[in-house]
Amino acid sequence: MGLNAYFTYGVVKGMGHSWETALGAVFLSGILFLIVSVTHIREWVINAMPRSLKLAIAAGIGLFLAIIGLKSAGIVIAHPATLVTLGDLKAPAAALAALGFVLMAALDARRVPGAILIGILVVALAGMALGQNSFGGLVSMPPSIAPVFLKMDVMKALEIGLISIVFTFFFVDVFDNTGTLVGVAHKAGLVNPDGTLPRANRALTADSVAAIAGAALGTSTTTSYIESAAGVNAGGRTGLTAVTVAALFVLALFFAPLAGSIPAFATAPALVYVACLMMGAVREIDFDDATEYVPAVITIAAMPLTFSIAHGIAFGFITYAGIKLLSGRPGEIGLAVGILAVLFLVKFALL
């Protein structure tokens, strides 16, 4: 959602650019995204990541999911003095979400297939019975995409003053998707013993093509979603899972009223439970070496607290390179990590 917020409140409302120009910037960032994917630059970066940071990314995404879920359930709310505080636990939505979380965990512990989905449906039905959400209908025709289809203004986005916007979309997109791929692949057990990801370039290329197609269809940057970890927990391990989900999303266009009947407090406990599962990566971090575990902890903490996977990765790379350098172990940094640490510093300083 960070890219959506930047698109809407940063580029369009904040800087005063048209949404067509913003879409043009997204399209150009997708082109850059594709270039670094097909040239294997992104794959090189992923495989060059230290193991401790890869584990930290998986755990950090877990905490990121947790804060999203707790916020959606109303268990954690904003506070002007402390940033966050406890919500009203007596509210039906929060109470139902808490019960749903316990139900999911118990069913999964019993190895019940579809435990998370069962929990979501039970909470949604209980919410309807208590009047917290209503049945919105079954089917409807999806709205026309004609008003936004191919409306991006690429030439306007090429103006020199908008280059920083293009690179911001590109930078965040690259590392949001990279972090998600690393985190979900680790949860799925798809990471090789040497820490590399098999066939990563195929996933990265598909990722970048989707960003380009999304801009053409009229939406801000499309990214892989961290909620994929819920599907992994249910047994998804192959591309067939993704294709099936894609087909179901197409059908969901026609069943939007039914999908809209599922409230946020019903899906929130699923996010929190998946977060618990992803935190298991922490136990594999080497807590005997400060140059490894300190950057890992910074990465884990930064993701939910900055509400950004990309920022968490950036802080982790900068911290890793800085600590290794000052502790007299620069040879352990690696070329990719060193370059990216410098680029992240430049980004924070100039963009």
Foldseek 3Di string as FASTA:
>chain_A
DVLQCCLPVNVCVNVPDDNLQSLLLLLLLLVVLLVCLVVCVLLVLQLLDDPLQLLLLLLLVLVLLQVVLCVQQQQWDQDPPPRIDGGDCVDLSNVLLVVLLVQLVVCVVVVNFPSLVVSLVVSLVVCVVVVNFHQQDFFDAFDDLVVAAQSHDNVSCPPPVNVLVSVVSNLQQSQQQSSLVSNLCVLLVQADPSRHHPPVSVVSNVQSVQSNVCSNSGHHGDHDDNLCLLVSSSPDDDVVVVVVVVVVVVVCSGGVSRVVSRGSSSNSSSSNNSSVSSNVSVVVFPPVDCLSVVLSVQLSVCCNVVVGNSVSSLSSLLSNCVVCVVVVNNVSSDDSSVVSNVVSVCSVVPD
